[in-house]
Amino acid sequence: MKIALIQFAPVFGDLQSTIESLKVLFFRAKEADLVVLPELANSGYNFDSKEEAFELSETVKDSVFLDFIQESCLQYNFTVATGFSEKDGDQLYNSAVLMNATGLVGTYRKLHLFMNEKNIFEKGNLGLPVFIVDDVKIGILVCFDWMFPEVWRKLALQGVDLILHPSNLVLPYAQSVIPSYALVNRIFIATANRIGTEKELSFTGQSVIVNPKGEVIAKADKLEQILFVDIDPELARDKMITKNNDVFKDRRTDIYE
């Protein structure tokens, strides 16, 4: 599978400008099988209020942004994972959506809300679903989910080969933990962070793709950039860290769950 991880700056509150930027970036990423965008790519991040966020959000079933994503999937024959400010009735969710040429593959709603997100979004209520794209088992987490090792391990125990991680990271050290999660779970991780500044927040870029040995195989700087990596999912299915040690079977579940 060829992954293209797009690091860019969505234009806050200006969906059409964001779409115009993505048209250029998608053309550059057209050789990929799977494209990953940052968190809240349809809206921007730093809302002043829940009312503002609601105005800038869309539903999964009626979305100019997701229609554009699907059209791009059809045009280039790839699958896209994107952060999405999701309206559902009178509730808002910080979601990630997986789309292909036929439409919606699935949705993940962020479980762990960061700072002012707690005043805007509901906690995710869809659990930790696993999706299959081109025979690759994929899980999705969003941004501050990085802080909680339980979700990485649970997805790994469900058999994922790859975790996609759309992000709007602002803490300067968050990316440093990604290789460790890849190593201890023997999986690939693709963290698509954004760049730019919104009001008082500056985003740190440095998107990263890591292999099951915890090795960084691609890393961005703090500019607009596309990372391309070919991954072999079979590497994530081998949980032997030595000839005598299976990292999952060796767990002492009699002591800890």
C-alpha atoms as a PDB file:
ATOM      1  CA  MET A   1       0.000   0.000   0.000  1.00  0.00           C
ATOM      2  CA  LYS A   2       1.296   3.460  -0.904  1.00  0.00           C
ATOM      3  CA  ILE A   3       0.378   6.067   1.699  1.00  0.00           C
ATOM      4  CA  ALA A   4       0.404   9.820   1.046  1.00  0.00           C
ATOM      5  CA  LEU A   5       0.266  11.916   4.180  1.00  0.00           C
ATOM      6  CA  ILE A   6      -0.713  15.522   3.429  1.00  0.00           C
ATOM      7  CA  GLN A   7       0.527  18.208   5.830  1.00  0.00           C
ATOM      8  CA  PHE A   8      -1.156  21.541   5.112  1.00  0.00           C
ATOM      9  CA  ALA A   9      -3.147  24.370   6.695  1.00  0.00           C
ATOM     10  CA  PRO A  10      -6.942  24.315   6.251  1.00  0.00           C
ATOM     11  CA  VAL A  11      -8.356  27.832   5.946  1.00  0.00           C
ATOM     12  CA  PHE A  12     -10.408  28.531   9.049  1.00  0.00           C
ATOM     13  CA  GLY A  13     -14.072  28.989   8.200  1.00  0.00           C
ATOM     14  CA  ASP A  14     -13.443  29.083   4.435  1.00  0.00           C
ATOM     15  CA  LEU A  15     -14.321  25.659   3.068  1.00  0.00           C
ATOM     16  CA  GLN A  16     -13.986  26.638  -0.574  1.00  0.00           C
ATOM     17  CA  SER A  17     -10.433  27.924  -0.096  1.00  0.00           C
ATOM     18  CA  THR A  18      -9.519  24.715   1.689  1.00  0.00           C
ATOM     19  CA  ILE A  19     -10.980  22.669  -1.160  1.00  0.00           C
ATOM     20  CA  GLU A  20      -9.015  24.681  -3.723  1.00  0.00           C
ATOM     21  CA  SER A  21      -5.801  23.955  -1.794  1.00  0.00           C
ATOM     22  CA  LEU A  22      -6.640  20.266  -1.619  1.00  0.00           C
ATOM     23  CA  LYS A  23      -7.297  20.060  -5.351  1.00  0.00           C
ATOM     24  CA  VAL A  24      -3.640  20.869  -5.945  1.00  0.00           C
ATOM     25  CA  LEU A  25      -2.417  18.593  -3.163  1.00  0.00           C
ATOM     26  CA  PHE A  26      -4.573  15.648  -4.260  1.00  0.00           C
ATOM     27  CA  PHE A  27      -3.179  15.944  -7.781  1.00  0.00           C
ATOM     28  CA  ARG A  28       0.315  15.716  -6.315  1.00  0.00           C
ATOM     29  CA  ALA A  29      -0.764  12.673  -4.255  1.00  0.00           C
ATOM     30  CA  LYS A  30      -2.567  10.917  -7.106  1.00  0.00           C
ATOM     31  CA  GLU A  31      -0.250   7.876  -7.139  1.00  0.00           C
ATOM     32  CA  ALA A  32      -1.220   6.933  -3.577  1.00  0.00           C
ATOM     33  CA  ASP A  33      -3.597   4.178  -2.526  1.00  0.00           C
ATOM     34  CA  LEU A  34      -4.448   5.916   0.760  1.00  0.00           C
ATOM     35  CA  VAL A  35      -4.302   9.653   1.528  1.00  0.00           C
ATOM     36  CA  VAL A  36      -4.374  10.989   5.093  1.00  0.00           C
ATOM     37  CA  LEU A  37      -5.368  14.567   6.013  1.00  0.00           C
ATOM     38  CA  PRO A  38      -5.143  16.397   9.365  1.00  0.00           C
ATOM     39  CA  GLU A  39      -7.785  16.805  12.065  1.00  0.00           C
ATOM     40  CA  LEU A  40     -10.825  19.069  11.373  1.00  0.00           C
ATOM     41  CA  ALA A  41      -9.704  19.592   7.786  1.00  0.00           C
ATOM     42  CA  ASN A  42     -13.134  20.843   6.724  1.00  0.00           C
ATOM     43  CA  SER A  43     -13.417  23.671   9.249  1.00  0.00           C
ATOM     44  CA  GLY A  44     -10.207  24.664  10.949  1.00  0.00           C
ATOM     45  CA  TYR A  45      -9.665  24.190  14.646  1.00  0.00           C
ATOM     46  CA  ASN A  46      -9.689  27.168  16.982  1.00  0.00           C
ATOM     47  CA  PHE A  47     -13.380  27.985  17.404  1.00  0.00           C
ATOM     48  CA  ASP A  48     -14.495  30.894  19.580  1.00  0.00           C
ATOM     49  CA  SER A  49     -17.690  29.128  20.618  1.00  0.00           C
ATOM     50  CA  LYS A  50     -19.830  26.053  20.108  1.00  0.00           C
ATOM     51  CA  GLU A  51     -22.149  28.200  17.987  1.00  0.00           C
ATOM     52  CA  GLU A  52     -19.306  29.086  15.622  1.00  0.00           C
ATOM     53  CA  ALA A  53     -18.236  25.447  15.409  1.00  0.00           C
ATOM     54  CA  PHE A  54     -21.802  24.369  14.676  1.00  0.00           C
ATOM     55  CA  GLU A  55     -22.052  26.883  11.837  1.00  0.00           C
ATOM     56  CA  LEU A  56     -18.812  25.595  10.284  1.00  0.00           C
ATOM     57  CA  SER A  57     -19.666  21.895  10.636  1.00  0.00           C
ATOM     58  CA  GLU A  58     -21.483  19.511   8.295  1.00  0.00           C
ATOM     59  CA  THR A  59     -23.274  16.211   8.582  1.00  0.00           C
ATOM     60  CA  VAL A  60     -21.738  13.093   7.085  1.00  0.00           C
ATOM     61  CA  LYS A  61     -24.779  12.616   4.841  1.00  0.00           C
ATOM     62  CA  ASP A  62     -24.954  16.197   3.553  1.00  0.00           C
ATOM     63  CA  SER A  63     -21.480  17.635   3.144  1.00  0.00           C
ATOM     64  CA  VAL A  64     -19.895  19.788   0.447  1.00  0.00           C
ATOM     65  CA  PHE A  65     -16.501  18.751   1.793  1.00  0.00           C
ATOM     66  CA  LEU A  66     -17.153  15.017   1.744  1.00  0.00           C
ATOM     67  CA  ASP A  67     -18.738  15.249  -1.714  1.00  0.00           C
ATOM     68  CA  PHE A  68     -15.468  16.801  -2.880  1.00  0.00           C
ATOM     69  CA  ILE A  69     -13.472  14.064  -1.129  1.00  0.00           C
ATOM     70  CA  GLN A  70     -15.538  11.344  -2.794  1.00  0.00           C
ATOM     71  CA  GLU A  71     -15.165  12.988  -6.213  1.00  0.00           C
ATOM     72  CA  SER A  72     -11.403  13.103  -5.695  1.00  0.00           C
ATOM     73  CA  CYS A  73     -11.364   9.419  -4.725  1.00  0.00           C
ATOM     74  CA  LEU A  74     -13.243   8.636  -7.913  1.00  0.00           C
ATOM     75  CA  GLN A  75     -10.896  10.789  -9.990  1.00  0.00           C
ATOM     76  CA  TYR A  76      -7.653   9.346  -8.597  1.00  0.00           C
ATOM     77  CA  ASN A  77      -8.781   5.910  -7.388  1.00  0.00           C
ATOM     78  CA  PHE A  78      -7.517   6.372  -3.849  1.00  0.00           C
ATOM     79  CA  THR A  79      -9.068   6.250  -0.370  1.00  0.00           C
ATOM     80  CA  VAL A  80      -8.977   9.308   1.909  1.00  0.00           C
ATOM     81  CA  ALA A  81      -8.986   9.561   5.699  1.00  0.00           C
ATOM     82  CA  THR A  82      -9.746  13.080   6.884  1.00  0.00           C
ATOM     83  CA  GLY A  83     -10.524  14.907  10.067  1.00  0.00           C
ATOM     84  CA  PHE A  84     -14.081  16.227   9.983  1.00  0.00           C
ATOM     85  CA  SER A  85     -16.084  18.584  12.188  1.00  0.00           C
ATOM     86  CA  GLU A  86     -19.263  16.535  12.292  1.00  0.00           C
ATOM     87  CA  LYS A  87     -22.756  17.797  13.026  1.00  0.00           C
ATOM     88  CA  ASP A  88     -25.254  15.151  14.169  1.00  0.00           C
ATOM     89  CA  GLY A  89     -28.581  16.655  15.194  1.00  0.00           C
ATOM     90  CA  ASP A  90     -27.735  19.242  17.823  1.00  0.00           C
ATOM     91  CA  GLN A  91     -24.469  17.497  18.750  1.00  0.00           C
ATOM     92  CA  LEU A  92     -20.962  18.093  17.431  1.00  0.00           C
ATOM     93  CA  TYR A  93     -18.188  15.513  17.165  1.00  0.00           C
ATOM     94  CA  ASN A  94     -14.511  15.846  16.342  1.00  0.00           C
ATOM     95  CA  SER A  95     -14.524  13.004  13.854  1.00  0.00           C
ATOM     96  CA  ALA A  96     -12.413  11.288  11.241  1.00  0.00           C
ATOM     97  CA  VAL A  97     -14.047   9.962   8.108  1.00  0.00           C
ATOM     98  CA  LEU A  98     -12.797   7.310   5.713  1.00  0.00           C
ATOM     99  CA  MET A  99     -14.017   7.791   2.127  1.00  0.00           C
ATOM    100  CA  ASN A 100     -13.517   6.033  -1.180  1.00  0.00           C
ATOM    101  CA  ALA A 101     -14.986   6.341  -4.680  1.00  0.00           C
ATOM    102  CA  THR A 102     -18.225   4.647  -3.616  1.00  0.00           C
ATOM    103  CA  GLY A 103     -18.765   6.908  -0.604  1.00  0.00           C
ATOM    104  CA  LEU A 104     -18.458   6.561   3.148  1.00  0.00           C
ATOM    105  CA  VAL A 105     -16.386   3.624   4.421  1.00  0.00           C
ATOM    106  CA  GLY A 106     -16.733   4.560   8.082  1.00  0.00           C
ATOM    107  CA  THR A 107     -16.497   7.159  10.834  1.00  0.00           C
ATOM    108  CA  TYR A 108     -14.487   7.438  14.046  1.00  0.00           C
ATOM    109  CA  ARG A 109     -15.336  10.016  16.716  1.00  0.00           C
ATOM    110  CA  LYS A 110     -12.509  11.323  18.892  1.00  0.00           C
ATOM    111  CA  LEU A 111     -12.609   9.773  22.354  1.00  0.00           C
ATOM    112  CA  HIS A 112     -10.314  12.136  24.265  1.00  0.00           C
ATOM    113  CA  LEU A 113     -11.036  15.863  23.974  1.00  0.00           C
ATOM    114  CA  PHE A 114      -8.250  18.423  24.374  1.00  0.00           C
ATOM    115  CA  MET A 115      -8.510  21.786  26.148  1.00  0.00           C
ATOM    116  CA  ASN A 116     -11.400  23.906  24.781  1.00  0.00           C
ATOM    117  CA  GLU A 117     -12.705  21.007  22.696  1.00  0.00           C
ATOM    118  CA  LYS A 118     -14.513  19.944  25.879  1.00  0.00           C
ATOM    119  CA  ASN A 119     -16.729  23.039  25.556  1.00  0.00           C
ATOM    120  CA  ILE A 120     -17.606  22.300  21.918  1.00  0.00           C
ATOM    121  CA  PHE A 121     -17.641  18.595  21.101  1.00  0.00           C
ATOM    122  CA  GLU A 122     -19.240  15.532  22.614  1.00  0.00           C
ATOM    123  CA  LYS A 123     -17.003  12.630  23.569  1.00  0.00           C
ATOM    124  CA  GLY A 124     -16.810  10.025  20.839  1.00  0.00           C
ATOM    125  CA  ASN A 125     -19.452   7.309  21.041  1.00  0.00           C
ATOM    126  CA  LEU A 126     -18.520   4.941  18.207  1.00  0.00           C
ATOM    127  CA  GLY A 127     -15.800   3.027  20.016  1.00  0.00           C
ATOM    128  CA  LEU A 128     -12.690   1.914  18.151  1.00  0.00           C
ATOM    129  CA  PRO A 129     -13.854   0.525  14.806  1.00  0.00           C
ATOM    130  CA  VAL A 130     -11.592  -1.343  12.403  1.00  0.00           C
ATOM    131  CA  PHE A 131     -11.848  -0.722   8.658  1.00  0.00           C
ATOM    132  CA  ILE A 132     -10.456  -2.757   5.764  1.00  0.00           C
ATOM    133  CA  VAL A 133      -8.897  -0.978   2.787  1.00  0.00           C
ATOM    134  CA  ASP A 134      -7.227  -3.097   0.085  1.00  0.00           C
ATOM    135  CA  ASP A 135      -6.939  -6.012   2.559  1.00  0.00           C
ATOM    136  CA  VAL A 136      -5.181  -3.783   5.097  1.00  0.00           C
ATOM    137  CA  LYS A 137      -6.825  -3.541   8.530  1.00  0.00           C
ATOM    138  CA  ILE A 138      -6.939   0.093   9.600  1.00  0.00           C
ATOM    139  CA  GLY A 139      -7.772   1.858  12.847  1.00  0.00           C
ATOM    140  CA  ILE A 140      -8.160   5.602  13.327  1.00  0.00           C
ATOM    141  CA  LEU A 141      -7.343   7.862  16.259  1.00  0.00           C
ATOM    142  CA  VAL A 142      -7.474  11.675  16.357  1.00  0.00           C
ATOM    143  CA  CYS A 143      -4.859  14.022  17.799  1.00  0.00           C
ATOM    144  CA  PHE A 144      -5.005  13.982  21.658  1.00  0.00           C
ATOM    145  CA  ASP A 145      -5.914  10.305  21.599  1.00  0.00           C
ATOM    146  CA  TRP A 146      -2.114   9.977  21.365  1.00  0.00           C
ATOM    147  CA  MET A 147      -1.865  10.468  25.119  1.00  0.00           C
ATOM    148  CA  PHE A 148      -3.700   7.258  26.011  1.00  0.00           C
ATOM    149  CA  PRO A 149      -1.828   3.978  25.409  1.00  0.00           C
ATOM    150  CA  GLU A 150      -4.970   1.912  25.955  1.00  0.00           C
ATOM    151  CA  VAL A 151      -6.528   2.903  22.626  1.00  0.00           C
ATOM    152  CA  TRP A 152      -3.419   2.050  20.625  1.00  0.00           C
ATOM    153  CA  ARG A 153      -3.193  -1.348  22.314  1.00  0.00           C
ATOM    154  CA  LYS A 154      -6.890  -2.113  21.919  1.00  0.00           C
ATOM    155  CA  LEU A 155      -6.765  -1.394  18.186  1.00  0.00           C
ATOM    156  CA  ALA A 156      -3.631  -3.518  17.868  1.00  0.00           C
ATOM    157  CA  LEU A 157      -5.317  -6.393  19.695  1.00  0.00           C
ATOM    158  CA  GLN A 158      -8.162  -6.096  17.193  1.00  0.00           C
ATOM    159  CA  GLY A 159      -5.633  -6.896  14.492  1.00  0.00           C
ATOM    160  CA  VAL A 160      -4.977  -3.561  12.806  1.00  0.00           C
ATOM    161  CA  ASP A 161      -1.935  -3.283  10.578  1.00  0.00           C
ATOM    162  CA  LEU A 162      -1.990   0.510  10.450  1.00  0.00           C
ATOM    163  CA  ILE A 163      -3.356   3.309  12.624  1.00  0.00           C
ATOM    164  CA  LEU A 164      -4.131   6.611  10.923  1.00  0.00           C
ATOM    165  CA  HIS A 165      -3.817   9.627  13.197  1.00  0.00           C
ATOM    166  CA  PRO A 166      -5.244  12.912  11.813  1.00  0.00           C
ATOM    167  CA  SER A 167      -3.979  15.639  14.126  1.00  0.00           C
ATOM    168  CA  ASN A 168      -3.792  19.332  14.968  1.00  0.00           C
ATOM    169  CA  LEU A 169      -0.907  18.968  17.414  1.00  0.00           C
ATOM    170  CA  VAL A 170       0.261  22.034  19.313  1.00  0.00           C
ATOM    171  CA  LEU A 171       2.287  20.457  22.138  1.00  0.00           C
ATOM    172  CA  PRO A 172       5.894  20.317  20.867  1.00  0.00           C
ATOM    173  CA  TYR A 173       6.633  16.798  22.143  1.00  0.00           C
ATOM    174  CA  ALA A 174       3.527  14.862  21.082  1.00  0.00           C
ATOM    175  CA  GLN A 175       5.098  13.311  17.958  1.00  0.00           C
ATOM    176  CA  SER A 176       7.925  11.830  20.052  1.00  0.00           C
ATOM    177  CA  VAL A 177       5.684   9.098  21.496  1.00  0.00           C
ATOM    178  CA  ILE A 178       4.507   7.728  18.138  1.00  0.00           C
ATOM    179  CA  PRO A 179       7.536   5.477  17.497  1.00  0.00           C
ATOM    180  CA  SER A 180       7.055   3.859  20.905  1.00  0.00           C
ATOM    181  CA  TYR A 181       3.409   3.013  20.221  1.00  0.00           C
ATOM    182  CA  ALA A 182       4.379   1.542  16.853  1.00  0.00           C
ATOM    183  CA  LEU A 183       7.122  -0.550  18.432  1.00  0.00           C
ATOM    184  CA  VAL A 184       5.243  -1.976  21.423  1.00  0.00           C
ATOM    185  CA  ASN A 185       2.236  -2.853  19.256  1.00  0.00           C
ATOM    186  CA  ARG A 186       4.248  -3.884  16.167  1.00  0.00           C
ATOM    187  CA  ILE A 187       2.113  -1.764  13.800  1.00  0.00           C
ATOM    188  CA  PHE A 188       2.468   1.061  11.299  1.00  0.00           C
ATOM    189  CA  ILE A 189       1.326   4.528  12.408  1.00  0.00           C
ATOM    190  CA  ALA A 190       0.725   7.545  10.149  1.00  0.00           C
ATOM    191  CA  THR A 191       0.310  10.851  12.010  1.00  0.00           C
ATOM    192  CA  ALA A 192      -0.919  13.620   9.684  1.00  0.00           C
ATOM    193  CA  ASN A 193      -0.450  16.904  11.500  1.00  0.00           C
ATOM    194  CA  ARG A 194      -1.288  20.373  10.210  1.00  0.00           C
ATOM    195  CA  ILE A 195       0.747  23.560  10.008  1.00  0.00           C
ATOM    196  CA  GLY A 196      -0.002  27.256  10.385  1.00  0.00           C
ATOM    197  CA  THR A 197      -1.479  29.471  13.082  1.00  0.00           C
ATOM    198  CA  GLU A 198      -5.039  30.175  14.217  1.00  0.00           C
ATOM    199  CA  LYS A 199      -5.338  33.038  16.690  1.00  0.00           C
ATOM    200  CA  GLU A 200      -3.084  32.113  19.623  1.00  0.00           C
ATOM    201  CA  LEU A 201      -2.425  28.530  18.516  1.00  0.00           C
ATOM    202  CA  SER A 202       0.489  27.464  16.332  1.00  0.00           C
ATOM    203  CA  PHE A 203       0.523  23.941  14.951  1.00  0.00           C
ATOM    204  CA  THR A 204       3.734  21.967  14.967  1.00  0.00           C
ATOM    205  CA  GLY A 205       3.751  20.094  11.646  1.00  0.00           C
ATOM    206  CA  GLN A 206       6.373  17.312  11.753  1.00  0.00           C
ATOM    207  CA  SER A 207       3.947  14.678  10.473  1.00  0.00           C
ATOM    208  CA  VAL A 208       5.422  11.218  10.764  1.00  0.00           C
ATOM    209  CA  ILE A 209       5.086   7.650   9.498  1.00  0.00           C
ATOM    210  CA  VAL A 210       6.571   4.894  11.649  1.00  0.00           C
ATOM    211  CA  ASN A 211       7.060   1.159  11.020  1.00  0.00           C
ATOM    212  CA  PRO A 212       6.474  -1.795  13.390  1.00  0.00           C
ATOM    213  CA  LYS A 213      10.075  -1.630  14.617  1.00  0.00           C
ATOM    214  CA  GLY A 214       9.514   1.918  15.840  1.00  0.00           C
ATOM    215  CA  GLU A 215      11.633   3.333  13.028  1.00  0.00           C
ATOM    216  CA  VAL A 216      10.625   6.688  11.532  1.00  0.00           C
ATOM    217  CA  ILE A 217      10.399   6.021   7.808  1.00  0.00           C
ATOM    218  CA  ALA A 218       9.190   9.500   6.817  1.00  0.00           C
ATOM    219  CA  LYS A 219       8.988  12.805   8.670  1.00  0.00           C
ATOM    220  CA  ALA A 220       7.911  16.268   7.569  1.00  0.00           C
ATOM    221  CA  ASP A 221       9.225  19.632   8.680  1.00  0.00           C
ATOM    222  CA  LYS A 222       6.939  22.572   9.494  1.00  0.00           C
ATOM    223  CA  LEU A 223       6.023  23.512   5.914  1.00  0.00           C
ATOM    224  CA  GLU A 224       3.338  22.280   3.538  1.00  0.00           C
ATOM    225  CA  GLN A 225       4.480  18.847   2.489  1.00  0.00           C
ATOM    226  CA  ILE A 226       3.366  15.419   1.276  1.00  0.00           C
ATOM    227  CA  LEU A 227       5.033  12.301   2.658  1.00  0.00           C
ATOM    228  CA  PHE A 228       4.943   9.172   0.506  1.00  0.00           C
ATOM    229  CA  VAL A 229       5.657   5.721   1.915  1.00  0.00           C
ATOM    230  CA  ASP A 230       5.078   2.181   0.660  1.00  0.00           C
ATOM    231  CA  ILE A 231       4.181  -0.188   3.496  1.00  0.00           C
ATOM    232  CA  ASP A 232       4.032  -3.975   3.653  1.00  0.00           C
ATOM    233  CA  PRO A 233       1.185  -4.859   6.059  1.00  0.00           C
ATOM    234  CA  GLU A 234       2.651  -8.343   6.593  1.00  0.00           C
ATOM    235  CA  LEU A 235       5.358  -6.726   8.714  1.00  0.00           C
ATOM    236  CA  ALA A 236       2.690  -5.635  11.201  1.00  0.00           C
ATOM    237  CA  ARG A 237       1.274  -9.158  11.400  1.00  0.00           C
ATOM    238  CA  ASP A 238       4.508 -10.600  12.758  1.00  0.00           C
ATOM    239  CA  LYS A 239       4.401 -10.075  16.511  1.00  0.00           C
ATOM    240  CA  MET A 240       7.630 -11.979  17.222  1.00  0.00           C
ATOM    241  CA  ILE A 241      10.244  -9.644  18.647  1.00  0.00           C
ATOM    242  CA  THR A 242      12.664 -12.554  19.175  1.00  0.00           C
ATOM    243  CA  LYS A 243      12.286 -16.203  18.163  1.00  0.00           C
ATOM    244  CA  ASN A 244      10.916 -16.870  21.652  1.00  0.00           C
ATOM    245  CA  ASN A 245       8.877 -13.729  22.283  1.00  0.00           C
ATOM    246  CA  ASP A 246       5.475 -12.871  20.881  1.00  0.00           C
ATOM    247  CA  VAL A 247       4.690  -9.370  22.125  1.00  0.00           C
ATOM    248  CA  PHE A 248       1.000 -10.177  22.590  1.00  0.00           C
ATOM    249  CA  LYS A 249       1.133 -13.803  23.758  1.00  0.00           C
ATOM    250  CA  ASP A 250       3.785 -12.955  26.342  1.00  0.00           C
ATOM    251  CA  ARG A 251       1.538 -10.450  28.095  1.00  0.00           C
ATOM    252  CA  ARG A 252       0.811 -11.422  31.726  1.00  0.00           C
ATOM    253  CA  THR A 253      -2.951 -11.096  31.572  1.00  0.00           C
ATOM    254  CA  ASP A 254      -3.195 -13.030  34.836  1.00  0.00           C
ATOM    255  CA  ILE A 255      -1.676  -9.937  36.472  1.00  0.00           C
ATOM    256  CA  TYR A 256      -3.126  -7.180  34.285  1.00  0.00           C
ATOM    257  CA  GLU A 257      -5.970  -7.051  31.799  1.00  0.00           C
END
